[in-house]
C-alpha atoms as a PDB file:
ATOM      1  CA  UNK A   1      74.732  64.402-236.716  1.00  0.00           C
ATOM      2  CA  UNK A   2      72.345  67.374-236.603  1.00  0.00           C
ATOM      3  CA  UNK A   3      69.168  65.307-236.269  1.00  0.00           C
ATOM      4  CA  UNK A   4      70.651  63.097-233.563  1.00  0.00           C
ATOM      5  CA  UNK A   5      71.807  66.197-231.669  1.00  0.00           C
ATOM      6  CA  UNK A   6      68.303  67.734-231.813  1.00  0.00           C
ATOM      7  CA  UNK A   7      66.800  64.446-230.583  1.00  0.00           C
ATOM      8  CA  UNK A   8      69.153  64.395-227.601  1.00  0.00           C
ATOM      9  CA  UNK A   9      68.486  68.067-226.861  1.00  0.00           C
ATOM     10  CA  UNK A  10      64.734  67.453-227.229  1.00  0.00           C
ATOM     11  CA  UNK A  11      64.883  64.595-224.738  1.00  0.00           C
ATOM     12  CA  UNK A  12      66.752  66.808-222.300  1.00  0.00           C
ATOM     13  CA  UNK A  13      64.339  69.704-222.861  1.00  0.00           C
ATOM     14  CA  UNK A  14      61.336  67.425-222.304  1.00  0.00           C
ATOM     15  CA  UNK A  15      62.748  66.063-219.079  1.00  0.00           C
ATOM     16  CA  UNK A  16      63.653  69.552-217.843  1.00  0.00           C
ATOM     17  CA  UNK A  17      60.230  70.927-218.805  1.00  0.00           C
ATOM     18  CA  UNK A  18      58.533  68.107-216.904  1.00  0.00           C
ATOM     19  CA  UNK A  19      60.540  68.992-213.815  1.00  0.00           C
ATOM     20  CA  UNK A  20      59.946  72.746-214.090  1.00  0.00           C
ATOM     21  CA  UNK A  21      56.252  72.603-215.040  1.00  0.00           C
ATOM     22  CA  UNK A  22      55.383  69.772-212.685  1.00  0.00           C
ATOM     23  CA  UNK A  23      54.854  66.795-214.977  1.00  0.00           C
ATOM     24  CA  UNK A  24      51.317  65.578-215.322  1.00  0.00           C
ATOM     25  CA  UNK A  25      51.513  63.825-218.667  1.00  0.00           C
ATOM     26  CA  UNK A  26      54.048  61.248-217.611  1.00  0.00           C
ATOM     27  CA  UNK A  27      57.687  60.868-218.539  1.00  0.00           C
ATOM     28  CA  UNK A  28      56.988  59.622-222.062  1.00  0.00           C
ATOM     29  CA  UNK A  29      54.624  62.512-222.832  1.00  0.00           C
ATOM     30  CA  UNK A  30      57.143  65.003-221.396  1.00  0.00           C
ATOM     31  CA  UNK A  31      59.823  63.597-223.693  1.00  0.00           C
ATOM     32  CA  UNK A  32      57.550  63.670-226.751  1.00  0.00           C
ATOM     33  CA  UNK A  33      56.504  67.255-226.008  1.00  0.00           C
ATOM     34  CA  UNK A  34      60.171  68.119-225.481  1.00  0.00           C
ATOM     35  CA  UNK A  35      61.078  66.742-228.901  1.00  0.00           C
ATOM     36  CA  UNK A  36      58.247  68.657-230.558  1.00  0.00           C
ATOM     37  CA  UNK A  37      59.180  71.778-228.597  1.00  0.00           C
ATOM     38  CA  UNK A  38      62.836  71.493-229.586  1.00  0.00           C
ATOM     39  CA  UNK A  39      61.911  71.290-233.243  1.00  0.00           C
ATOM     40  CA  UNK A  40      59.371  74.115-232.953  1.00  0.00           C
ATOM     41  CA  UNK A  41      61.786  76.308-231.001  1.00  0.00           C
ATOM     42  CA  UNK A  42      64.586  75.769-233.506  1.00  0.00           C
ATOM     43  CA  UNK A  43      62.254  76.461-236.417  1.00  0.00           C
ATOM     44  CA  UNK A  44      60.849  79.640-234.876  1.00  0.00           C
ATOM     45  CA  UNK A  45      64.274  80.967-233.937  1.00  0.00           C
ATOM     46  CA  UNK A  46      65.493  80.429-237.501  1.00  0.00           C
ATOM     47  CA  UNK A  47      62.425  82.279-238.807  1.00  0.00           C
ATOM     48  CA  UNK A  48      63.244  85.170-236.495  1.00  0.00           C
ATOM     49  CA  UNK A  49      66.760  85.297-237.947  1.00  0.00           C
ATOM     50  CA  UNK A  50      68.720  83.824-235.059  1.00  0.00           C
ATOM     51  CA  UNK A  51      71.608  81.561-235.955  1.00  0.00           C
ATOM     52  CA  UNK A  52      71.597  77.919-234.918  1.00  0.00           C
ATOM     53  CA  UNK A  53      75.304  78.208-234.164  1.00  0.00           C
ATOM     54  CA  UNK A  54      74.948  79.603-230.655  1.00  0.00           C
ATOM     55  CA  UNK A  55      76.489  76.608-228.944  1.00  0.00           C
ATOM     56  CA  UNK A  56      75.174  73.899-226.683  1.00  0.00           C
ATOM     57  CA  UNK A  57      73.692  76.153-223.973  1.00  0.00           C
ATOM     58  CA  UNK A  58      71.858  78.265-226.566  1.00  0.00           C
ATOM     59  CA  UNK A  59      70.467  75.140-228.239  1.00  0.00           C
ATOM     60  CA  UNK A  60      69.254  73.670-224.960  1.00  0.00           C
ATOM     61  CA  UNK A  61      67.718  77.018-223.969  1.00  0.00           C
ATOM     62  CA  UNK A  62      65.820  77.332-227.268  1.00  0.00           C
ATOM     63  CA  UNK A  63      64.622  73.728-227.015  1.00  0.00           C
ATOM     64  CA  UNK A  64      63.542  74.246-223.403  1.00  0.00           C
ATOM     65  CA  UNK A  65      61.566  77.404-224.234  1.00  0.00           C
ATOM     66  CA  UNK A  66      59.947  75.619-227.183  1.00  0.00           C
ATOM     67  CA  UNK A  67      59.082  72.645-224.976  1.00  0.00           C
ATOM     68  CA  UNK A  68      57.555  74.906-222.312  1.00  0.00           C
ATOM     69  CA  UNK A  69      55.355  76.604-224.904  1.00  0.00           C
ATOM     70  CA  UNK A  70      54.300  73.305-226.509  1.00  0.00           C
ATOM     71  CA  UNK A  71      53.572  71.787-223.078  1.00  0.00           C
ATOM     72  CA  UNK A  72      51.520  74.827-222.061  1.00  0.00           C
ATOM     73  CA  UNK A  73      49.475  74.617-225.280  1.00  0.00           C
ATOM     74  CA  UNK A  74      49.018  70.861-224.834  1.00  0.00           C
ATOM     75  CA  UNK A  75      47.742  71.324-221.282  1.00  0.00           C
ATOM     76  CA  UNK A  76      45.313  74.082-222.334  1.00  0.00           C
ATOM     77  CA  UNK A  77      43.917  71.944-225.152  1.00  0.00           C
ATOM     78  CA  UNK A  78      43.560  68.777-223.078  1.00  0.00           C
ATOM     79  CA  UNK A  79      42.350  70.417-219.848  1.00  0.00           C
ATOM     80  CA  UNK A  80      39.123  69.022-218.434  1.00  0.00           C
ATOM     81  CA  UNK A  81      36.394  71.592-218.521  1.00  0.00           C
ATOM     82  CA  UNK A  82      33.884  71.736-215.655  1.00  0.00           C
ATOM     83  CA  UNK A  83      30.450  70.424-216.538  1.00  0.00           C
END
């Protein structure tokens, strides 16, 4: 059930990140970045010693923050540079 839960939270985080950061990559890219961000956020929080048992709001918050960071990095890497 844990993997399915993180997938659902990642989808939610991706959608929310797209709304907050103003889309740009499309709905599918927002969802993919949300999934990656959810996994990265959960991994980083566990490395920092935070428990994954903080409840649903905590999990969504961590996934959202991870998705925002991953989306920001993605946009910096793929930004068009002036000629």
